[in-house]
Protein backbone atom coordinates (compact mmCIF):
# COMPACT_ATOMS: atom_id res chain seq x y z
CA UNK A 1 0.00 0.00 0.00
CA UNK A 2 2.95 2.32 0.55
CA UNK A 3 3.80 1.92 -3.14
CA UNK A 4 0.29 3.02 -4.08
CA UNK A 5 0.71 6.19 -2.04
CA UNK A 6 3.89 6.98 -3.96
CA UNK A 7 2.16 6.23 -7.26
CA UNK A 8 -0.69 8.65 -6.49
CA UNK A 9 1.79 11.43 -5.77
CA UNK A 10 3.88 10.66 -8.85
CA UNK A 11 0.88 10.55 -11.19
CA UNK A 12 -0.43 13.80 -9.80
CA UNK A 13 2.94 15.51 -10.37
CA UNK A 14 3.75 14.08 -13.80
CA UNK A 15 0.32 13.89 -15.41
CA UNK A 16 -1.64 16.80 -14.05
CA UNK A 17 -4.79 16.50 -16.15
CA UNK A 18 -8.51 16.54 -15.36
CA UNK A 19 -9.69 13.48 -13.46
CA UNK A 20 -13.17 12.18 -12.65
CA UNK A 21 -12.39 12.34 -8.94
CA UNK A 22 -10.75 14.67 -6.44
CA UNK A 23 -8.81 13.83 -3.30
CA UNK A 24 -9.98 16.22 -0.59
CA UNK A 25 -7.23 17.92 1.41
CA UNK A 26 -4.48 16.49 -0.83
CA UNK A 27 -1.75 15.55 0.24
CA UNK A 28 -2.97 15.09 3.84
CA UNK A 29 -4.70 11.71 3.14
CA UNK A 30 -1.49 10.43 1.54
CA UNK A 31 0.59 11.51 4.51
CA UNK A 32 -1.83 9.95 7.02
CA UNK A 33 -1.93 6.69 5.05
CA UNK A 34 1.88 6.62 4.83
CA UNK A 35 2.22 7.15 8.58
CA UNK A 36 -0.37 4.46 9.34
CA UNK A 37 1.05 1.82 7.00
CA UNK A 38 4.62 2.59 8.09
CA UNK A 39 3.61 2.15 11.72
CA UNK A 40 1.95 -1.19 10.95
CA UNK A 41 5.00 -2.37 9.01
CA UNK A 42 7.59 -1.27 11.55
CA UNK A 43 5.74 -2.73 14.55
CA UNK A 44 5.06 -6.11 12.92
CA UNK A 45 6.87 -9.24 13.98
CA UNK A 46 10.12 -9.88 12.07
CA UNK A 47 8.63 -12.98 10.44
CA UNK A 48 5.85 -10.93 8.82
CA UNK A 49 8.33 -8.29 7.63
CA UNK A 50 10.45 -10.99 5.98
CA UNK A 51 7.39 -12.63 4.41
CA UNK A 52 6.28 -9.25 3.08
CA UNK A 53 9.69 -8.61 1.53
CA UNK A 54 9.79 -12.11 0.00
CA UNK A 55 6.33 -11.54 -1.49
CA UNK A 56 7.45 -8.16 -2.86
CA UNK A 57 10.54 -9.71 -4.47
CA UNK A 58 8.55 -12.61 -5.94
CA UNK A 59 5.99 -10.22 -7.42
CA UNK A 60 8.73 -8.01 -8.86
CA UNK A 61 10.46 -11.03 -10.40
CA UNK A 62 7.17 -12.27 -11.91
CA UNK A 63 6.49 -8.82 -13.39
CA UNK A 64 9.97 -8.53 -14.86
CA UNK A 65 9.73 -12.02 -16.37
CA UNK A 66 6.34 -11.17 -17.91
CA UNK A 67 7.62 -7.81 -19.21
CA UNK A 68 10.69 -9.48 -20.71
CA UNK A 69 8.61 -12.13 -22.48
CA UNK A 70 6.13 -9.59 -23.87
CA UNK A 71 8.86 -7.02 -24.63
CA UNK A 72 7.05 -4.47 -22.50
CA UNK A 73 8.41 -1.84 -20.17
CA UNK A 74 11.28 -1.79 -19.13
CA UNK A 75 12.65 -4.17 -21.77
CA UNK A 76 10.96 -2.89 -24.92
CA UNK A 77 9.19 0.04 -26.43
CA UNK A 78 5.62 -1.12 -25.76
CA UNK A 79 3.71 0.94 -23.22
CA UNK A 80 1.26 -0.59 -20.81
CA UNK A 81 -2.40 -0.23 -21.71
C-alpha atoms as a PDB file:
ATOM      1  CA  UNK A   1       0.000   0.000   0.000  1.00  0.00           C
ATOM      2  CA  UNK A   2       2.950   2.317   0.545  1.00  0.00           C
ATOM      3  CA  UNK A   3       3.803   1.915  -3.145  1.00  0.00           C
ATOM      4  CA  UNK A   4       0.290   3.019  -4.080  1.00  0.00           C
ATOM      5  CA  UNK A   5       0.715   6.185  -2.036  1.00  0.00           C
ATOM      6  CA  UNK A   6       3.890   6.983  -3.964  1.00  0.00           C
ATOM      7  CA  UNK A   7       2.164   6.226  -7.264  1.00  0.00           C
ATOM      8  CA  UNK A   8      -0.689   8.645  -6.494  1.00  0.00           C
ATOM      9  CA  UNK A   9       1.785  11.433  -5.767  1.00  0.00           C
ATOM     10  CA  UNK A  10       3.883  10.659  -8.850  1.00  0.00           C
ATOM     11  CA  UNK A  11       0.876  10.546 -11.190  1.00  0.00           C
ATOM     12  CA  UNK A  12      -0.426  13.804  -9.798  1.00  0.00           C
ATOM     13  CA  UNK A  13       2.941  15.512 -10.372  1.00  0.00           C
ATOM     14  CA  UNK A  14       3.752  14.083 -13.799  1.00  0.00           C
ATOM     15  CA  UNK A  15       0.320  13.893 -15.413  1.00  0.00           C
ATOM     16  CA  UNK A  16      -1.636  16.799 -14.051  1.00  0.00           C
ATOM     17  CA  UNK A  17      -4.794  16.504 -16.146  1.00  0.00           C
ATOM     18  CA  UNK A  18      -8.506  16.542 -15.359  1.00  0.00           C
ATOM     19  CA  UNK A  19      -9.692  13.481 -13.460  1.00  0.00           C
ATOM     20  CA  UNK A  20     -13.174  12.182 -12.652  1.00  0.00           C
ATOM     21  CA  UNK A  21     -12.393  12.340  -8.942  1.00  0.00           C
ATOM     22  CA  UNK A  22     -10.746  14.666  -6.441  1.00  0.00           C
ATOM     23  CA  UNK A  23      -8.815  13.834  -3.299  1.00  0.00           C
ATOM     24  CA  UNK A  24      -9.985  16.215  -0.590  1.00  0.00           C
ATOM     25  CA  UNK A  25      -7.227  17.919   1.410  1.00  0.00           C
ATOM     26  CA  UNK A  26      -4.477  16.494  -0.832  1.00  0.00           C
ATOM     27  CA  UNK A  27      -1.747  15.546   0.238  1.00  0.00           C
ATOM     28  CA  UNK A  28      -2.967  15.091   3.836  1.00  0.00           C
ATOM     29  CA  UNK A  29      -4.702  11.711   3.136  1.00  0.00           C
ATOM     30  CA  UNK A  30      -1.487  10.429   1.535  1.00  0.00           C
ATOM     31  CA  UNK A  31       0.594  11.512   4.513  1.00  0.00           C
ATOM     32  CA  UNK A  32      -1.826   9.951   7.020  1.00  0.00           C
ATOM     33  CA  UNK A  33      -1.928   6.692   5.053  1.00  0.00           C
ATOM     34  CA  UNK A  34       1.876   6.623   4.829  1.00  0.00           C
ATOM     35  CA  UNK A  35       2.221   7.149   8.581  1.00  0.00           C
ATOM     36  CA  UNK A  36      -0.368   4.456   9.336  1.00  0.00           C
ATOM     37  CA  UNK A  37       1.049   1.823   7.003  1.00  0.00           C
ATOM     38  CA  UNK A  38       4.624   2.594   8.091  1.00  0.00           C
ATOM     39  CA  UNK A  39       3.613   2.145  11.724  1.00  0.00           C
ATOM     40  CA  UNK A  40       1.953  -1.191  10.952  1.00  0.00           C
ATOM     41  CA  UNK A  41       4.999  -2.369   9.007  1.00  0.00           C
ATOM     42  CA  UNK A  42       7.593  -1.267  11.552  1.00  0.00           C
ATOM     43  CA  UNK A  43       5.738  -2.735  14.551  1.00  0.00           C
ATOM     44  CA  UNK A  44       5.057  -6.108  12.917  1.00  0.00           C
ATOM     45  CA  UNK A  45       6.869  -9.244  13.982  1.00  0.00           C
ATOM     46  CA  UNK A  46      10.119  -9.877  12.072  1.00  0.00           C
ATOM     47  CA  UNK A  47       8.627 -12.981  10.435  1.00  0.00           C
ATOM     48  CA  UNK A  48       5.854 -10.927   8.823  1.00  0.00           C
ATOM     49  CA  UNK A  49       8.329  -8.290   7.634  1.00  0.00           C
ATOM     50  CA  UNK A  50      10.449 -10.989   5.980  1.00  0.00           C
ATOM     51  CA  UNK A  51       7.391 -12.629   4.415  1.00  0.00           C
ATOM     52  CA  UNK A  52       6.282  -9.254   3.077  1.00  0.00           C
ATOM     53  CA  UNK A  53       9.692  -8.612   1.533  1.00  0.00           C
ATOM     54  CA  UNK A  54       9.789 -12.107  -0.001  1.00  0.00           C
ATOM     55  CA  UNK A  55       6.330 -11.536  -1.494  1.00  0.00           C
ATOM     56  CA  UNK A  56       7.449  -8.160  -2.865  1.00  0.00           C
ATOM     57  CA  UNK A  57      10.541  -9.708  -4.468  1.00  0.00           C
ATOM     58  CA  UNK A  58       8.549 -12.614  -5.940  1.00  0.00           C
ATOM     59  CA  UNK A  59       5.994 -10.223  -7.418  1.00  0.00           C
ATOM     60  CA  UNK A  60       8.729  -8.006  -8.860  1.00  0.00           C
ATOM     61  CA  UNK A  61      10.456 -11.026 -10.400  1.00  0.00           C
ATOM     62  CA  UNK A  62       7.171 -12.269 -11.910  1.00  0.00           C
ATOM     63  CA  UNK A  63       6.488  -8.817 -13.386  1.00  0.00           C
ATOM     64  CA  UNK A  64       9.973  -8.531 -14.856  1.00  0.00           C
ATOM     65  CA  UNK A  65       9.731 -12.018 -16.372  1.00  0.00           C
ATOM     66  CA  UNK A  66       6.342 -11.173 -17.909  1.00  0.00           C
ATOM     67  CA  UNK A  67       7.618  -7.807 -19.211  1.00  0.00           C
ATOM     68  CA  UNK A  68      10.690  -9.484 -20.706  1.00  0.00           C
ATOM     69  CA  UNK A  69       8.606 -12.133 -22.484  1.00  0.00           C
ATOM     70  CA  UNK A  70       6.128  -9.592 -23.867  1.00  0.00           C
ATOM     71  CA  UNK A  71       8.860  -7.015 -24.630  1.00  0.00           C
ATOM     72  CA  UNK A  72       7.051  -4.467 -22.498  1.00  0.00           C
ATOM     73  CA  UNK A  73       8.407  -1.840 -20.168  1.00  0.00           C
ATOM     74  CA  UNK A  74      11.280  -1.787 -19.129  1.00  0.00           C
ATOM     75  CA  UNK A  75      12.650  -4.165 -21.774  1.00  0.00           C
ATOM     76  CA  UNK A  76      10.958  -2.891 -24.922  1.00  0.00           C
ATOM     77  CA  UNK A  77       9.186   0.044 -26.432  1.00  0.00           C
ATOM     78  CA  UNK A  78       5.617  -1.122 -25.756  1.00  0.00           C
ATOM     79  CA  UNK A  79       3.712   0.940 -23.224  1.00  0.00           C
ATOM     80  CA  UNK A  80       1.256  -0.593 -20.815  1.00  0.00           C
ATOM     81  CA  UNK A  81      -2.404  -0.228 -21.706  1.00  0.00           C
END
